[in-house]
Structures are given as C-alpha cells and as structure tokens.
C-alpha cells in the first residue's frame, strides 16, 4: 500500500511538472511571428516578420475602439517607451509592435490618429500594424491571443502582451490594462534581457 501511495505521489508530481512546463516553457516556445507575413504600418510602410534584426520586442494586440483595456495598455507602453528612450536603448535594442485585431475599422488614418494620441512617432521603434483579417488571425493564433466580434461594435479579446527576446522567442507574458500590465515589471525584465 505504501509503494502504491509513493508511486501515486511521484506520478502526481511529474504530472504537475509537465503541466507547468507546457503552460510556460513549451507553449511559449511555440509562439512566434509567421515569417511569410508582411503588414502595413500606420504610416503606410511595409513591415515584414522575415529576417527581423535581433531586438527585444514587446508585442501588443489591440483595437482602437476598445473602451478601456487597450488604450490603458498603450498609454503604459508609452510611459515605458519614454523610460527606455532615456536609457538610450529604445529603437536600437528594444522595439514595440502593436497589431490591430480590427483591421476593417482600424484604417491607416484611424491608426495614425491613435499613434498621434499616444505619441508613437515621437521616437523610432514603435510600429502600429494592420493586415488582412486572415493575417491578423494567423499571428494572433501563433500567440494564443483570442478575439471575436459579438456584433456589438466591441471586440471580446484576451488580455495578454508578450515580451520576446532577441531571437523572437516569448520569454514572458504580461497582462493588459491597469493593474495587470505592470510597466515597472516589464521594464525590469527588458533590462535583464539586455544584460
């Protein structure tokens, strides 16, 4: 009976460890940008995910009509960007990517207005991107970012942002919005990655 109990405990520990590995390391290691996709920036330029230069990247999915969580996250990213600019690493070593999940309504002009509101163009290194619905879904699926349109004009979506290392591998997943996106924690993780 004692051997059976010990075997059960060992199997339980292995199962928990396997679950932790899947939901952290393994699952995150599968998150990557599809190399074949090229999107359009808010300024009308092409942004290709193929042969990206080695940089630490922070990835955000959002849509401009979002009433709270998206603009709050973008605002905190702006504050984080300003801190990284002061450190002299933004643009050269660190880059932000924001992808709209509503490319139909988030036209280039709408994204330009959003960029102006959050001073995205104040410094090089932050890209607001839009693609086709299929391209957007393909990228979102790669990062396990879920969203759908219930027909109310407001999309229901996951609340995750992604920090990628210089090899474009996800090293940490953060929340979105006030209380969930901790810009100080993100900053510390970026600094750690740059060392």
N, C-alpha and C. Protein backbone atom coordinates (compact mmCIF):
# COMPACT_ATOMS: atom_id res chain seq x y z
N UNK A 1 0.83 -1.20 0.00
CA UNK A 1 0.00 0.00 0.00
C UNK A 1 0.87 1.26 0.00
N UNK A 2 1.97 1.19 0.79
CA UNK A 2 2.87 2.34 0.87
C UNK A 2 3.53 2.60 -0.49
N UNK A 3 3.91 1.51 -1.20
CA UNK A 3 4.53 1.66 -2.53
C UNK A 3 3.55 2.30 -3.51
N UNK A 4 2.31 1.90 -3.43
CA UNK A 4 1.27 2.46 -4.30
C UNK A 4 1.10 3.95 -4.05
N UNK A 5 1.12 4.33 -2.77
CA UNK A 5 0.98 5.74 -2.39
C UNK A 5 2.17 6.55 -2.92
N UNK A 6 3.38 6.02 -2.75
CA UNK A 6 4.58 6.71 -3.22
C UNK A 6 4.55 6.84 -4.75
N UNK A 7 4.14 5.78 -5.43
CA UNK A 7 4.02 5.82 -6.89
C UNK A 7 3.02 6.89 -7.32
N UNK A 8 1.89 6.95 -6.62
CA UNK A 8 0.87 7.96 -6.93
C UNK A 8 1.42 9.37 -6.75
N UNK A 9 2.13 9.60 -5.65
CA UNK A 9 2.70 10.93 -5.38
C UNK A 9 3.71 11.30 -6.46
N UNK A 10 4.55 10.34 -6.83
CA UNK A 10 5.56 10.60 -7.87
C UNK A 10 4.89 10.95 -9.20
N UNK A 11 3.87 10.19 -9.56
CA UNK A 11 3.15 10.46 -10.81
C UNK A 11 2.44 11.80 -10.76
N UNK A 12 1.91 12.15 -9.61
CA UNK A 12 1.24 13.45 -9.44
C UNK A 12 2.24 14.59 -9.63
N UNK A 13 3.40 14.47 -9.01
CA UNK A 13 4.44 15.50 -9.14
C UNK A 13 4.90 15.62 -10.59
N UNK A 14 5.10 14.48 -11.27
CA UNK A 14 5.50 14.51 -12.68
C UNK A 14 4.42 15.17 -13.53
N UNK A 15 3.16 14.85 -13.25
CA UNK A 15 2.05 15.46 -13.99
C UNK A 15 1.98 16.96 -13.80
N UNK A 16 2.16 17.42 -12.58
CA UNK A 16 2.15 18.86 -12.31
C UNK A 16 3.32 19.53 -13.00
N UNK A 17 4.50 18.92 -12.92
CA UNK A 17 5.69 19.49 -13.58
C UNK A 17 5.50 19.57 -15.09
N UNK A 18 4.91 18.52 -15.67
CA UNK A 18 4.66 18.52 -17.12
C UNK A 18 3.67 19.62 -17.49
N UNK A 19 2.65 19.82 -16.66
CA UNK A 19 1.67 20.89 -16.91
C UNK A 19 2.31 22.26 -16.84
N UNK A 20 3.15 22.47 -15.83
CA UNK A 20 3.84 23.76 -15.70
C UNK A 20 4.74 23.99 -16.91
N UNK A 21 5.47 22.95 -17.32
CA UNK A 21 6.35 23.07 -18.48
C UNK A 21 5.55 23.43 -19.73
N UNK A 22 4.41 22.76 -19.93
CA UNK A 22 3.60 23.03 -21.12
C UNK A 22 3.08 24.45 -21.12
N UNK A 23 2.53 24.89 -20.00
CA UNK A 23 1.89 26.20 -19.96
C UNK A 23 2.88 27.34 -19.81
N UNK A 24 4.14 27.04 -19.60
CA UNK A 24 5.14 28.12 -19.54
C UNK A 24 6.14 27.94 -20.68
N UNK A 25 7.13 27.10 -20.46
CA UNK A 25 8.21 26.96 -21.43
C UNK A 25 7.83 26.45 -22.80
N UNK A 26 7.24 25.27 -22.87
CA UNK A 26 6.96 24.67 -24.17
C UNK A 26 5.96 25.50 -24.97
N UNK A 27 4.87 25.87 -24.33
CA UNK A 27 3.82 26.62 -25.04
C UNK A 27 4.36 27.95 -25.55
N UNK A 28 5.13 28.63 -24.70
CA UNK A 28 5.70 29.91 -25.11
C UNK A 28 6.73 29.74 -26.21
N UNK A 29 7.44 28.61 -26.22
CA UNK A 29 8.46 28.42 -27.25
C UNK A 29 7.84 28.25 -28.63
N UNK A 30 6.57 27.93 -28.69
CA UNK A 30 5.87 27.76 -29.97
C UNK A 30 5.29 29.09 -30.47
N UNK A 31 5.34 30.13 -29.65
CA UNK A 31 4.82 31.44 -30.05
C UNK A 31 5.87 32.16 -30.88
N UNK A 32 5.53 32.46 -32.12
CA UNK A 32 6.49 33.15 -32.98
C UNK A 32 5.75 33.86 -34.12
N UNK A 33 6.43 34.80 -34.72
CA UNK A 33 5.85 35.53 -35.84
C UNK A 33 5.90 34.66 -37.10
N UNK A 34 4.80 34.55 -37.83
CA UNK A 34 4.84 33.83 -39.11
C UNK A 34 5.74 34.58 -40.10
N UNK A 35 6.77 33.92 -40.58
CA UNK A 35 7.78 34.56 -41.43
C UNK A 35 7.23 35.08 -42.75
N UNK A 36 6.15 34.48 -43.23
CA UNK A 36 5.65 34.84 -44.56
C UNK A 36 4.76 36.08 -44.57
N UNK A 37 4.45 36.62 -43.41
CA UNK A 37 3.51 37.75 -43.35
C UNK A 37 4.24 39.09 -43.36
N UNK A 38 3.70 40.00 -44.17
CA UNK A 38 4.14 41.39 -44.19
C UNK A 38 2.91 42.25 -43.93
N UNK A 39 2.99 43.14 -42.96
CA UNK A 39 1.86 44.01 -42.63
C UNK A 39 2.19 45.46 -43.01
N UNK A 40 1.20 46.31 -42.85
CA UNK A 40 1.36 47.73 -43.17
C UNK A 40 1.41 48.53 -41.87
N UNK A 41 2.36 49.46 -41.79
CA UNK A 41 2.43 50.33 -40.62
C UNK A 41 1.40 51.44 -40.74
N UNK A 42 1.21 52.18 -39.65
CA UNK A 42 0.26 53.30 -39.68
C UNK A 42 0.72 54.42 -40.61
N UNK A 43 1.99 54.38 -41.00
CA UNK A 43 2.49 55.39 -41.93
C UNK A 43 2.49 54.89 -43.38
N UNK A 44 1.98 53.65 -43.58
CA UNK A 44 1.88 53.12 -44.94
C UNK A 44 3.07 52.34 -45.42
N UNK A 45 4.06 52.11 -44.55
CA UNK A 45 5.24 51.34 -44.95
C UNK A 45 4.99 49.86 -44.69
N UNK A 46 5.79 49.02 -45.34
CA UNK A 46 5.69 47.57 -45.11
C UNK A 46 6.52 47.19 -43.90
N UNK A 47 5.99 46.23 -43.14
CA UNK A 47 6.72 45.67 -42.00
C UNK A 47 6.70 44.16 -42.17
N UNK A 48 7.88 43.59 -42.40
CA UNK A 48 7.99 42.15 -42.64
C UNK A 48 8.47 41.44 -41.37
N UNK A 49 7.90 40.28 -41.12
CA UNK A 49 8.32 39.47 -39.98
C UNK A 49 9.44 38.50 -40.35
N UNK A 50 9.92 38.60 -41.57
CA UNK A 50 11.01 37.74 -42.03
C UNK A 50 12.35 38.44 -41.79
N UNK A 51 13.30 37.70 -41.30
CA UNK A 51 14.66 38.21 -41.08
C UNK A 51 14.67 39.50 -40.24
N UNK A 52 13.93 39.49 -39.14
CA UNK A 52 13.89 40.66 -38.26
C UNK A 52 15.24 40.80 -37.55
N UNK A 53 15.75 42.02 -37.45
CA UNK A 53 17.02 42.20 -36.74
C UNK A 53 16.86 41.83 -35.26
N UNK A 54 17.92 41.35 -34.63
CA UNK A 54 17.81 40.94 -33.23
C UNK A 54 17.54 42.13 -32.30
N UNK A 55 16.36 42.14 -31.71
CA UNK A 55 15.96 43.15 -30.74
C UNK A 55 15.03 42.51 -29.73
N UNK A 56 14.98 43.09 -28.55
CA UNK A 56 13.96 42.69 -27.58
C UNK A 56 12.68 43.39 -28.02
N UNK A 57 11.57 42.64 -28.07
CA UNK A 57 10.32 43.20 -28.58
C UNK A 57 9.19 43.01 -27.59
N UNK A 58 8.34 44.03 -27.50
CA UNK A 58 7.11 43.94 -26.73
C UNK A 58 5.96 43.98 -27.71
N UNK A 59 5.13 42.93 -27.68
CA UNK A 59 4.04 42.80 -28.63
C UNK A 59 2.71 43.02 -27.92
N UNK A 60 1.89 43.88 -28.53
CA UNK A 60 0.55 44.18 -28.02
C UNK A 60 -0.46 43.99 -29.15
N UNK A 61 -1.56 43.31 -28.85
CA UNK A 61 -2.71 43.27 -29.75
C UNK A 61 -3.75 44.22 -29.19
N UNK A 62 -4.41 44.99 -30.04
CA UNK A 62 -5.42 45.94 -29.56
C UNK A 62 -6.34 46.30 -30.71
N UNK A 63 -7.38 47.08 -30.40
CA UNK A 63 -8.18 47.74 -31.44
C UNK A 63 -8.56 49.11 -30.90
N UNK A 64 -8.64 50.09 -31.80
CA UNK A 64 -8.75 51.49 -31.36
C UNK A 64 -10.09 51.84 -30.74
N UNK A 65 -11.12 51.07 -31.03
CA UNK A 65 -12.44 51.34 -30.46
C UNK A 65 -12.62 50.73 -29.08
N UNK A 66 -11.61 50.07 -28.57
CA UNK A 66 -11.66 49.44 -27.24
C UNK A 66 -11.87 50.53 -26.19
N UNK A 67 -12.85 50.33 -25.29
CA UNK A 67 -13.18 51.39 -24.34
C UNK A 67 -12.23 51.53 -23.15
N UNK A 68 -11.41 50.53 -22.87
CA UNK A 68 -10.62 50.66 -21.64
C UNK A 68 -9.25 49.96 -21.68
N UNK A 69 -9.24 48.65 -21.77
CA UNK A 69 -8.01 47.88 -21.56
C UNK A 69 -6.93 48.17 -22.61
N UNK A 70 -7.32 48.33 -23.86
CA UNK A 70 -6.33 48.58 -24.93
C UNK A 70 -5.68 49.96 -24.79
N UNK A 71 -6.47 51.04 -24.72
CA UNK A 71 -5.81 52.34 -24.60
C UNK A 71 -5.01 52.49 -23.31
N UNK A 72 -5.47 51.84 -22.24
CA UNK A 72 -4.72 51.90 -20.98
C UNK A 72 -3.37 51.23 -21.14
N UNK A 73 -3.34 50.07 -21.80
CA UNK A 73 -2.08 49.36 -22.02
C UNK A 73 -1.16 50.18 -22.92
N UNK A 74 -1.71 50.74 -23.99
CA UNK A 74 -0.90 51.55 -24.91
C UNK A 74 -0.32 52.76 -24.18
N UNK A 75 -1.11 53.37 -23.31
CA UNK A 75 -0.62 54.53 -22.53
C UNK A 75 0.54 54.12 -21.64
N UNK A 76 0.42 52.97 -20.98
CA UNK A 76 1.51 52.50 -20.12
C UNK A 76 2.74 52.12 -20.95
N UNK A 77 2.50 51.60 -22.16
CA UNK A 77 3.63 51.30 -23.05
C UNK A 77 4.34 52.59 -23.46
N UNK A 78 3.57 53.66 -23.64
CA UNK A 78 4.18 54.96 -23.96
C UNK A 78 5.11 55.41 -22.83
N UNK A 79 4.64 55.26 -21.59
CA UNK A 79 5.47 55.63 -20.44
C UNK A 79 6.72 54.74 -20.36
N UNK A 80 6.54 53.47 -20.64
CA UNK A 80 7.66 52.53 -20.66
C UNK A 80 8.64 52.89 -21.77
N UNK A 81 8.10 53.22 -22.93
CA UNK A 81 8.95 53.64 -24.07
C UNK A 81 9.80 54.86 -23.68
N UNK A 82 9.17 55.85 -23.04
CA UNK A 82 9.91 57.06 -22.65
C UNK A 82 11.07 56.74 -21.72
N UNK A 83 10.86 55.78 -20.83
CA UNK A 83 11.91 55.36 -19.90
C UNK A 83 13.05 54.68 -20.67
N UNK A 84 12.69 53.85 -21.64
CA UNK A 84 13.69 53.15 -22.44
C UNK A 84 14.45 54.11 -23.36
N UNK A 85 13.78 55.17 -23.81
CA UNK A 85 14.44 56.22 -24.59
C UNK A 85 15.49 56.91 -23.72
N UNK A 86 15.12 57.21 -22.48
CA UNK A 86 16.07 57.84 -21.55
C UNK A 86 17.29 56.96 -21.32
N UNK A 87 17.08 55.65 -21.36
CA UNK A 87 18.18 54.69 -21.18
C UNK A 87 19.03 54.55 -22.44
N UNK A 88 18.54 55.09 -23.56
CA UNK A 88 19.27 55.01 -24.82
C UNK A 88 19.19 53.66 -25.52
N UNK A 89 18.15 52.86 -25.20
CA UNK A 89 18.05 51.53 -25.82
C UNK A 89 16.84 51.39 -26.75
N UNK A 90 15.90 52.32 -26.68
CA UNK A 90 14.69 52.16 -27.49
C UNK A 90 15.00 52.44 -28.96
N UNK A 91 14.50 51.58 -29.81
CA UNK A 91 14.74 51.71 -31.25
C UNK A 91 15.89 50.85 -31.70
N UNK A 92 17.05 51.00 -31.05
CA UNK A 92 18.23 50.22 -31.43
C UNK A 92 18.19 48.80 -30.87
N UNK A 93 17.82 48.69 -29.59
CA UNK A 93 17.85 47.38 -28.92
C UNK A 93 16.47 46.88 -28.51
N UNK A 94 15.52 47.79 -28.42
CA UNK A 94 14.16 47.43 -28.00
C UNK A 94 13.16 48.03 -28.98
N UNK A 95 12.14 47.25 -29.30
CA UNK A 95 11.13 47.66 -30.27
C UNK A 95 9.75 47.26 -29.75
N UNK A 96 8.75 48.10 -30.02
CA UNK A 96 7.36 47.79 -29.68
C UNK A 96 6.59 47.51 -30.96
N UNK A 97 5.75 46.48 -30.92
CA UNK A 97 4.87 46.15 -32.04
C UNK A 97 3.44 46.11 -31.51
N UNK A 98 2.58 46.91 -32.11
CA UNK A 98 1.16 46.92 -31.76
C UNK A 98 0.38 46.53 -33.01
N UNK A 99 -0.40 45.46 -32.90
CA UNK A 99 -1.17 44.95 -34.04
C UNK A 99 -2.65 45.10 -33.76
N UNK A 100 -3.37 45.76 -34.68
CA UNK A 100 -4.80 45.87 -34.51
C UNK A 100 -5.48 44.54 -34.85
N UNK A 101 -6.45 44.19 -34.03
CA UNK A 101 -7.24 42.98 -34.29
C UNK A 101 -8.54 43.33 -35.02
N UNK A 102 -8.67 44.61 -35.40
CA UNK A 102 -9.85 45.08 -36.12
C UNK A 102 -9.42 45.86 -37.36
N UNK A 103 -8.75 45.18 -38.31
CA UNK A 103 -8.20 45.91 -39.46
C UNK A 103 -9.25 46.54 -40.36
N UNK A 104 -10.47 46.05 -40.31
CA UNK A 104 -11.52 46.63 -41.14
C UNK A 104 -11.83 48.06 -40.70
N UNK A 105 -12.00 48.28 -39.41
CA UNK A 105 -12.31 49.61 -38.88
C UNK A 105 -11.06 50.44 -38.59
N UNK A 106 -9.98 49.76 -38.23
CA UNK A 106 -8.74 50.48 -37.93
C UNK A 106 -7.95 50.69 -39.22
N UNK A 107 -8.44 51.65 -39.98
CA UNK A 107 -7.78 52.01 -41.24
C UNK A 107 -6.45 52.69 -40.94
N UNK A 108 -5.69 52.94 -41.99
CA UNK A 108 -4.42 53.63 -41.80
C UNK A 108 -4.63 54.98 -41.12
N UNK A 109 -5.67 55.72 -41.53
CA UNK A 109 -5.95 57.03 -40.94
C UNK A 109 -6.31 56.90 -39.46
N UNK A 110 -7.13 55.92 -39.12
CA UNK A 110 -7.51 55.70 -37.72
C UNK A 110 -6.27 55.37 -36.89
N UNK A 111 -5.40 54.52 -37.43
CA UNK A 111 -4.18 54.18 -36.72
C UNK A 111 -3.24 55.38 -36.59
N UNK A 112 -3.23 56.25 -37.59
CA UNK A 112 -2.43 57.47 -37.49
C UNK A 112 -2.92 58.35 -36.35
N UNK A 113 -4.24 58.46 -36.21
CA UNK A 113 -4.81 59.25 -35.11
C UNK A 113 -4.48 58.63 -33.76
N UNK A 114 -4.56 57.30 -33.68
CA UNK A 114 -4.22 56.58 -32.45
C UNK A 114 -2.74 56.80 -32.11
N UNK A 115 -1.90 56.72 -33.13
CA UNK A 115 -0.46 56.93 -32.94
C UNK A 115 -0.19 58.34 -32.43
N UNK A 116 -0.90 59.32 -32.97
CA UNK A 116 -0.72 60.71 -32.53
C UNK A 116 -1.14 60.88 -31.08
N UNK A 117 -2.25 60.25 -30.69
CA UNK A 117 -2.76 60.37 -29.32
C UNK A 117 -1.77 59.81 -28.30
N UNK A 118 -1.02 58.80 -28.68
CA UNK A 118 -0.08 58.18 -27.75
C UNK A 118 1.39 58.49 -28.08
N UNK A 119 1.60 59.48 -28.96
CA UNK A 119 2.94 59.94 -29.33
C UNK A 119 3.84 58.78 -29.78
N UNK A 120 3.25 57.87 -30.53
CA UNK A 120 4.00 56.71 -31.02
C UNK A 120 5.17 57.14 -31.90
N UNK A 121 4.97 58.18 -32.69
CA UNK A 121 6.01 58.62 -33.64
C UNK A 121 7.06 59.53 -33.02
N UNK A 122 6.95 59.78 -31.73
CA UNK A 122 7.90 60.68 -31.07
C UNK A 122 9.33 60.15 -31.19
N UNK A 123 9.46 58.82 -31.20
CA UNK A 123 10.77 58.16 -31.36
C UNK A 123 10.60 56.96 -32.27
N UNK A 124 11.64 56.64 -33.04
CA UNK A 124 11.61 55.45 -33.90
C UNK A 124 11.63 54.19 -33.05
N UNK A 125 10.92 53.15 -33.52
CA UNK A 125 10.99 51.88 -32.83
C UNK A 125 9.66 51.35 -32.34
N UNK A 126 8.56 52.05 -32.67
CA UNK A 126 7.23 51.55 -32.30
C UNK A 126 6.40 51.48 -33.57
N UNK A 127 5.89 50.30 -33.86
CA UNK A 127 5.15 50.07 -35.10
C UNK A 127 3.71 49.67 -34.81
N UNK A 128 2.77 50.44 -35.33
CA UNK A 128 1.35 50.09 -35.30
C UNK A 128 1.04 49.42 -36.62
N UNK A 129 0.59 48.16 -36.56
CA UNK A 129 0.45 47.36 -37.76
C UNK A 129 -0.99 46.93 -38.01
N UNK A 130 -1.29 46.82 -39.30
CA UNK A 130 -2.57 46.23 -39.71
C UNK A 130 -2.31 45.35 -40.92
N UNK A 131 -3.09 44.28 -40.99
CA UNK A 131 -3.01 43.37 -42.12
C UNK A 131 -4.40 42.95 -42.50
N UNK A 132 -4.52 41.90 -43.25
CA UNK A 132 -5.84 41.37 -43.58
C UNK A 132 -6.38 40.65 -42.34
N UNK A 133 -7.66 40.33 -42.37
CA UNK A 133 -8.24 39.57 -41.26
C UNK A 133 -7.53 38.23 -41.10
N UNK A 134 -7.23 37.57 -42.23
CA UNK A 134 -6.56 36.27 -42.17
C UNK A 134 -5.15 36.37 -41.59
N UNK A 135 -4.41 37.39 -42.01
CA UNK A 135 -3.05 37.58 -41.49
C UNK A 135 -3.08 37.87 -39.99
N UNK A 136 -4.01 38.73 -39.60
CA UNK A 136 -4.13 39.09 -38.19
C UNK A 136 -4.46 37.87 -37.35
N UNK A 137 -5.39 37.07 -37.83
CA UNK A 137 -5.78 35.87 -37.09
C UNK A 137 -4.63 34.88 -37.01
N UNK A 138 -3.88 34.76 -38.09
CA UNK A 138 -2.75 33.83 -38.11
C UNK A 138 -1.71 34.21 -37.06
N UNK A 139 -1.41 35.50 -36.96
CA UNK A 139 -0.43 35.95 -35.96
C UNK A 139 -1.01 35.78 -34.55
N UNK A 140 -2.25 36.20 -34.35
CA UNK A 140 -2.89 36.07 -33.04
C UNK A 140 -2.92 34.61 -32.59
N UNK A 141 -3.24 33.71 -33.52
CA UNK A 141 -3.28 32.28 -33.19
C UNK A 141 -1.91 31.77 -32.75
N UNK A 142 -0.86 32.26 -33.39
CA UNK A 142 0.50 31.84 -33.03
C UNK A 142 0.82 32.19 -31.58
N UNK A 143 0.23 33.30 -31.09
CA UNK A 143 0.49 33.75 -29.72
C UNK A 143 -0.64 33.39 -28.76
N UNK A 144 -1.55 32.53 -29.21
CA UNK A 144 -2.70 32.12 -28.40
C UNK A 144 -3.51 33.32 -27.92
N UNK A 145 -3.56 34.36 -28.74
CA UNK A 145 -4.36 35.54 -28.42
C UNK A 145 -5.72 35.36 -29.08
N UNK A 146 -6.77 35.30 -28.29
CA UNK A 146 -8.11 35.03 -28.79
C UNK A 146 -8.92 36.32 -28.87
N UNK A 147 -9.73 36.43 -29.92
CA UNK A 147 -10.64 37.57 -30.03
C UNK A 147 -11.81 37.19 -30.93
N UNK A 148 -12.91 37.88 -30.71
CA UNK A 148 -14.07 37.66 -31.58
C UNK A 148 -14.97 38.89 -31.53
N UNK A 149 -15.78 39.01 -32.56
CA UNK A 149 -16.71 40.12 -32.68
C UNK A 149 -18.13 39.61 -32.39
N UNK A 150 -18.70 40.00 -31.25
CA UNK A 150 -20.06 39.54 -30.93
C UNK A 150 -21.14 40.35 -31.65
N UNK A 151 -20.71 41.33 -32.46
CA UNK A 151 -21.68 42.15 -33.21
C UNK A 151 -22.15 43.38 -32.48
N UNK A 152 -21.47 43.75 -31.41
CA UNK A 152 -21.85 44.92 -30.61
C UNK A 152 -21.01 46.15 -30.94
N UNK A 153 -19.99 45.96 -31.77
CA UNK A 153 -19.06 47.05 -32.04
C UNK A 153 -17.84 47.01 -31.13
N UNK A 154 -17.89 46.16 -30.11
CA UNK A 154 -16.77 46.00 -29.19
C UNK A 154 -16.30 44.54 -29.24
N UNK A 155 -15.03 44.35 -29.52
CA UNK A 155 -14.49 43.00 -29.62
C UNK A 155 -14.21 42.43 -28.23
N UNK A 156 -14.43 41.15 -28.11
CA UNK A 156 -14.04 40.43 -26.90
C UNK A 156 -12.68 39.82 -27.21
N UNK A 157 -11.71 40.04 -26.30
CA UNK A 157 -10.36 39.55 -26.60
C UNK A 157 -9.59 39.16 -25.35
N UNK A 158 -8.53 38.40 -25.56
CA UNK A 158 -7.60 38.04 -24.47
C UNK A 158 -6.97 39.31 -23.93
N UNK A 159 -6.31 39.17 -22.81
CA UNK A 159 -5.63 40.34 -22.24
C UNK A 159 -4.18 39.98 -21.93
N UNK A 160 -3.42 39.79 -23.02
CA UNK A 160 -2.00 39.42 -22.88
C UNK A 160 -1.13 40.30 -23.76
N UNK A 161 0.04 40.64 -23.23
CA UNK A 161 1.11 41.25 -24.01
C UNK A 161 2.30 40.30 -23.90
N UNK A 162 3.21 40.38 -24.86
CA UNK A 162 4.26 39.38 -24.97
C UNK A 162 5.63 40.04 -25.07
N UNK A 163 6.55 39.60 -24.22
CA UNK A 163 7.92 40.08 -24.30
C UNK A 163 8.75 39.00 -24.98
N UNK A 164 9.42 39.39 -26.06
CA UNK A 164 10.22 38.45 -26.84
C UNK A 164 11.69 38.81 -26.73
N UNK A 165 12.54 37.79 -26.72
CA UNK A 165 13.97 38.05 -26.67
C UNK A 165 14.50 38.37 -28.07
N UNK A 166 15.80 38.52 -28.19
CA UNK A 166 16.41 38.91 -29.47
C UNK A 166 16.26 37.84 -30.55
N UNK A 167 15.91 36.62 -30.14
CA UNK A 167 15.66 35.54 -31.11
C UNK A 167 14.17 35.41 -31.42
N UNK A 168 13.40 36.40 -30.99
CA UNK A 168 11.94 36.43 -31.20
C UNK A 168 11.21 35.27 -30.54
N UNK A 169 11.71 34.83 -29.39
CA UNK A 169 11.05 33.82 -28.59
C UNK A 169 10.40 34.50 -27.39
N UNK A 170 9.18 34.12 -27.09
CA UNK A 170 8.47 34.71 -25.95
C UNK A 170 9.16 34.27 -24.67
N UNK A 171 9.54 35.25 -23.86
CA UNK A 171 10.18 34.94 -22.58
C UNK A 171 9.26 35.25 -21.40
N UNK A 172 8.25 36.08 -21.65
CA UNK A 172 7.29 36.38 -20.59
C UNK A 172 5.99 36.88 -21.20
N UNK A 173 4.89 36.52 -20.55
CA UNK A 173 3.57 37.01 -20.95
C UNK A 173 3.04 37.86 -19.81
N UNK A 174 2.65 39.09 -20.14
CA UNK A 174 2.10 40.01 -19.16
C UNK A 174 0.63 40.25 -19.46
N UNK A 175 -0.08 40.80 -18.50
CA UNK A 175 -1.48 41.14 -18.70
C UNK A 175 -1.62 42.45 -19.46
N UNK A 176 -2.86 42.92 -19.55
CA UNK A 176 -3.16 44.20 -20.17
C UNK A 176 -3.99 45.03 -19.20
N UNK A 177 -3.93 46.33 -19.37
CA UNK A 177 -4.77 47.22 -18.59
C UNK A 177 -4.21 47.53 -17.21
N UNK A 178 -4.88 48.46 -16.56
CA UNK A 178 -4.46 48.91 -15.23
C UNK A 178 -4.51 47.74 -14.25
N UNK A 179 -3.43 47.57 -13.52
CA UNK A 179 -3.36 46.51 -12.54
C UNK A 179 -2.84 45.20 -13.09
N UNK A 180 -2.90 45.00 -14.39
CA UNK A 180 -2.43 43.75 -14.99
C UNK A 180 -1.15 43.95 -15.79
N UNK A 181 -1.04 45.10 -16.47
CA UNK A 181 0.19 45.42 -17.19
C UNK A 181 1.05 46.25 -16.24
N UNK A 182 2.03 45.62 -15.64
CA UNK A 182 2.92 46.27 -14.69
C UNK A 182 4.16 46.76 -15.45
N UNK A 183 4.13 48.04 -15.84
CA UNK A 183 5.21 48.56 -16.68
C UNK A 183 6.56 48.51 -15.98
N UNK A 184 6.58 48.60 -14.65
CA UNK A 184 7.86 48.51 -13.93
C UNK A 184 8.42 47.09 -14.01
N UNK A 185 7.55 46.11 -13.91
CA UNK A 185 7.99 44.72 -14.03
C UNK A 185 8.47 44.43 -15.45
N UNK A 186 7.75 44.96 -16.45
CA UNK A 186 8.16 44.78 -17.84
C UNK A 186 9.52 45.44 -18.06
N UNK A 187 9.68 46.64 -17.52
CA UNK A 187 10.94 47.38 -17.64
C UNK A 187 12.11 46.56 -17.07
N UNK A 188 11.90 46.01 -15.87
CA UNK A 188 12.95 45.22 -15.23
C UNK A 188 13.29 43.99 -16.05
N UNK A 189 12.29 43.37 -16.63
CA UNK A 189 12.54 42.17 -17.45
C UNK A 189 13.30 42.54 -18.73
N UNK A 190 12.97 43.69 -19.32
CA UNK A 190 13.69 44.15 -20.50
C UNK A 190 15.15 44.41 -20.15
N UNK A 191 15.37 45.11 -19.02
CA UNK A 191 16.74 45.39 -18.60
C UNK A 191 17.52 44.11 -18.37
N UNK A 192 16.88 43.14 -17.75
CA UNK A 192 17.51 41.84 -17.50
C UNK A 192 17.90 41.16 -18.82
N UNK A 193 17.02 41.26 -19.80
CA UNK A 193 17.26 40.62 -21.09
C UNK A 193 18.39 41.31 -21.86
N UNK A 194 18.55 42.60 -21.65
CA UNK A 194 19.59 43.36 -22.37
C UNK A 194 20.98 43.15 -21.80
N UNK A 195 21.09 42.61 -20.60
CA UNK A 195 22.40 42.43 -19.98
C UNK A 195 23.20 41.31 -20.63
